């Protein structure tokens, strides 16, 4: 399953917006910490392991294309 994800700074729960999901993170972009937090939140949202979540496009952008396997 491939989903569009928008990442925003701050705290909050993941929000479903049609086909897209908005994720909030307080982690800094340094050392990929924000991306790891996004992957962790997506894995928890879909109830899969984090190793089944992969960023396909947009690793350095707010808008990301993420693949979730194991659904």
N, C-alpha and C. Protein backbone atom coordinates (compact mmCIF):
# COMPACT_ATOMS: atom_id res chain seq x y z
N UNK A 1 0.85 -1.17 0.00
CA UNK A 1 0.00 0.00 0.00
C UNK A 1 0.89 1.23 0.00
N UNK A 2 0.60 2.18 -0.88
CA UNK A 2 1.38 3.41 -0.97
C UNK A 2 0.50 4.57 -0.54
N UNK A 3 1.02 5.41 0.37
CA UNK A 3 0.24 6.54 0.89
C UNK A 3 1.05 7.83 0.80
N UNK A 4 0.34 8.94 0.72
CA UNK A 4 0.95 10.27 0.77
C UNK A 4 0.94 10.73 2.21
N UNK A 5 2.07 11.25 2.66
CA UNK A 5 2.20 11.71 4.05
C UNK A 5 2.70 13.15 4.04
N UNK A 6 2.06 13.99 4.83
CA UNK A 6 2.52 15.35 5.05
C UNK A 6 3.02 15.43 6.49
N UNK A 7 4.23 15.95 6.65
CA UNK A 7 4.84 16.04 7.98
C UNK A 7 4.80 17.48 8.45
N UNK A 8 4.31 17.68 9.67
CA UNK A 8 4.26 19.01 10.27
C UNK A 8 5.00 18.98 11.60
N UNK A 9 5.60 20.11 11.94
CA UNK A 9 6.33 20.22 13.21
C UNK A 9 5.34 20.44 14.34
N UNK A 10 5.57 19.79 15.45
CA UNK A 10 4.70 19.92 16.61
C UNK A 10 4.24 18.56 17.09
N UNK A 11 3.39 18.57 18.07
CA UNK A 11 2.89 17.31 18.60
C UNK A 11 1.43 17.14 18.22
N UNK A 12 1.00 15.92 18.19
CA UNK A 12 -0.38 15.62 17.84
C UNK A 12 -0.49 14.21 17.29
N UNK A 13 -1.71 13.78 17.08
CA UNK A 13 -1.98 12.45 16.56
C UNK A 13 -2.01 12.50 15.03
N UNK A 14 -1.75 11.36 14.39
CA UNK A 14 -1.89 11.30 12.93
C UNK A 14 -3.33 11.59 12.51
N UNK A 15 -3.49 12.37 11.45
CA UNK A 15 -4.81 12.74 10.95
C UNK A 15 -4.98 12.23 9.54
N UNK A 16 -6.09 11.56 9.27
CA UNK A 16 -6.39 11.05 7.93
C UNK A 16 -7.12 12.13 7.15
N UNK A 17 -6.60 12.47 5.96
CA UNK A 17 -7.20 13.47 5.09
C UNK A 17 -7.45 12.85 3.73
N UNK A 18 -8.55 12.15 3.57
CA UNK A 18 -8.81 11.46 2.31
C UNK A 18 -7.83 10.31 2.13
N UNK A 19 -7.00 10.39 1.08
CA UNK A 19 -6.00 9.36 0.83
C UNK A 19 -4.68 9.66 1.53
N UNK A 20 -4.52 10.84 2.08
CA UNK A 20 -3.26 11.26 2.70
C UNK A 20 -3.37 11.22 4.22
N UNK A 21 -2.21 11.23 4.86
CA UNK A 21 -2.14 11.27 6.33
C UNK A 21 -1.21 12.41 6.71
N UNK A 22 -1.59 13.16 7.75
CA UNK A 22 -0.74 14.21 8.30
C UNK A 22 -0.13 13.71 9.60
N UNK A 23 1.19 13.77 9.68
CA UNK A 23 1.94 13.31 10.85
C UNK A 23 2.60 14.52 11.51
N UNK A 24 2.55 14.58 12.82
CA UNK A 24 3.20 15.64 13.58
C UNK A 24 4.40 15.05 14.31
N UNK A 25 5.54 15.75 14.24
CA UNK A 25 6.74 15.27 14.92
C UNK A 25 7.49 16.44 15.56
N UNK A 26 8.07 16.19 16.72
CA UNK A 26 8.91 17.17 17.40
C UNK A 26 10.39 16.90 17.18
N UNK A 27 10.70 15.80 16.50
CA UNK A 27 12.09 15.42 16.28
C UNK A 27 12.76 16.36 15.28
N UNK A 28 14.04 16.64 15.45
CA UNK A 28 14.76 17.48 14.49
C UNK A 28 15.07 16.71 13.21
N UNK A 29 15.28 17.44 12.13
CA UNK A 29 15.61 16.81 10.85
C UNK A 29 17.02 16.24 10.85
N UNK A 30 17.84 16.68 11.76
CA UNK A 30 19.24 16.25 11.82
C UNK A 30 19.34 14.74 12.06
N UNK A 31 20.27 14.10 11.35
CA UNK A 31 20.55 12.67 11.48
C UNK A 31 19.33 11.79 11.21
N UNK A 32 18.41 12.28 10.38
CA UNK A 32 17.23 11.50 9.97
C UNK A 32 16.28 11.15 11.11
N UNK A 33 16.37 11.87 12.21
CA UNK A 33 15.53 11.55 13.37
C UNK A 33 14.05 11.78 13.08
N UNK A 34 13.73 12.82 12.30
CA UNK A 34 12.33 13.09 11.96
C UNK A 34 11.77 11.97 11.08
N UNK A 35 12.55 11.50 10.12
CA UNK A 35 12.08 10.41 9.26
C UNK A 35 11.86 9.12 10.05
N UNK A 36 12.75 8.83 10.99
CA UNK A 36 12.57 7.64 11.83
C UNK A 36 11.31 7.76 12.68
N UNK A 37 11.02 8.95 13.17
CA UNK A 37 9.80 9.15 13.95
C UNK A 37 8.56 8.99 13.07
N UNK A 38 8.61 9.49 11.84
CA UNK A 38 7.49 9.34 10.91
C UNK A 38 7.25 7.86 10.63
N UNK A 39 8.31 7.12 10.38
CA UNK A 39 8.17 5.68 10.11
C UNK A 39 7.56 4.96 11.31
N UNK A 40 8.01 5.33 12.51
CA UNK A 40 7.48 4.73 13.74
C UNK A 40 5.98 5.02 13.90
N UNK A 41 5.59 6.26 13.63
CA UNK A 41 4.18 6.64 13.78
C UNK A 41 3.30 5.96 12.74
N UNK A 42 3.78 5.86 11.50
CA UNK A 42 3.01 5.18 10.45
C UNK A 42 2.86 3.70 10.78
N UNK A 43 3.93 3.08 11.29
CA UNK A 43 3.87 1.67 11.67
C UNK A 43 2.84 1.46 12.79
N UNK A 44 2.82 2.36 13.76
CA UNK A 44 1.85 2.24 14.85
C UNK A 44 0.42 2.49 14.35
N UNK A 45 0.26 3.42 13.43
CA UNK A 45 -1.07 3.76 12.88
C UNK A 45 -1.67 2.56 12.14
N UNK A 46 -0.85 1.87 11.35
CA UNK A 46 -1.33 0.72 10.59
C UNK A 46 -1.11 -0.61 11.30
N UNK A 47 -0.55 -0.58 12.50
CA UNK A 47 -0.34 -1.77 13.32
C UNK A 47 0.55 -2.80 12.60
N UNK A 48 1.67 -2.32 12.05
CA UNK A 48 2.67 -3.19 11.43
C UNK A 48 4.02 -2.86 12.07
N UNK A 49 5.02 -3.68 11.79
CA UNK A 49 6.35 -3.41 12.30
C UNK A 49 7.01 -2.31 11.48
N UNK A 50 7.92 -1.57 12.10
CA UNK A 50 8.58 -0.45 11.44
C UNK A 50 9.39 -0.90 10.23
N UNK A 51 9.87 -2.12 10.22
CA UNK A 51 10.65 -2.59 9.08
C UNK A 51 9.79 -2.77 7.83
N UNK A 52 8.47 -2.77 7.97
CA UNK A 52 7.55 -2.89 6.85
C UNK A 52 7.16 -1.54 6.27
N UNK A 53 7.72 -0.46 6.78
CA UNK A 53 7.42 0.89 6.31
C UNK A 53 8.68 1.46 5.66
N UNK A 54 8.50 2.04 4.45
CA UNK A 54 9.66 2.54 3.70
C UNK A 54 9.30 3.84 3.01
N UNK A 55 10.20 4.82 3.09
CA UNK A 55 10.00 6.08 2.39
C UNK A 55 10.47 5.89 0.95
N UNK A 56 9.56 6.05 0.01
CA UNK A 56 9.89 5.88 -1.40
C UNK A 56 10.40 7.19 -1.99
N UNK A 57 9.73 8.28 -1.69
CA UNK A 57 10.10 9.58 -2.24
C UNK A 57 9.87 10.65 -1.18
N UNK A 58 10.75 11.65 -1.15
CA UNK A 58 10.57 12.80 -0.28
C UNK A 58 11.26 12.70 1.06
N UNK A 59 12.38 12.02 1.13
CA UNK A 59 13.07 11.87 2.40
C UNK A 59 13.53 13.21 2.96
N UNK A 60 13.72 14.21 2.10
CA UNK A 60 14.16 15.53 2.55
C UNK A 60 13.07 16.58 2.42
N UNK A 61 11.85 16.15 2.25
CA UNK A 61 10.74 17.09 2.07
C UNK A 61 9.63 16.81 3.07
N UNK A 62 8.73 17.77 3.19
CA UNK A 62 7.58 17.60 4.09
C UNK A 62 6.55 16.62 3.52
N UNK A 63 6.42 16.60 2.20
CA UNK A 63 5.50 15.67 1.55
C UNK A 63 6.26 14.43 1.14
N UNK A 64 5.80 13.29 1.61
CA UNK A 64 6.51 12.03 1.39
C UNK A 64 5.56 11.01 0.76
N UNK A 65 6.14 10.10 0.03
CA UNK A 65 5.43 8.95 -0.51
C UNK A 65 5.96 7.73 0.24
N UNK A 66 5.10 7.04 0.96
CA UNK A 66 5.53 5.96 1.85
C UNK A 66 4.83 4.67 1.46
N UNK A 67 5.61 3.59 1.47
CA UNK A 67 5.08 2.26 1.18
C UNK A 67 4.95 1.49 2.49
N UNK A 68 3.78 0.87 2.69
CA UNK A 68 3.54 0.06 3.88
C UNK A 68 3.25 -1.36 3.43
N UNK A 69 4.07 -2.31 3.84
CA UNK A 69 3.88 -3.72 3.52
C UNK A 69 3.33 -4.46 4.74
N UNK A 70 2.73 -5.60 4.51
CA UNK A 70 2.27 -6.43 5.61
C UNK A 70 0.87 -6.10 6.10
N UNK A 71 0.07 -5.44 5.28
CA UNK A 71 -1.31 -5.15 5.71
C UNK A 71 -2.21 -6.29 5.36
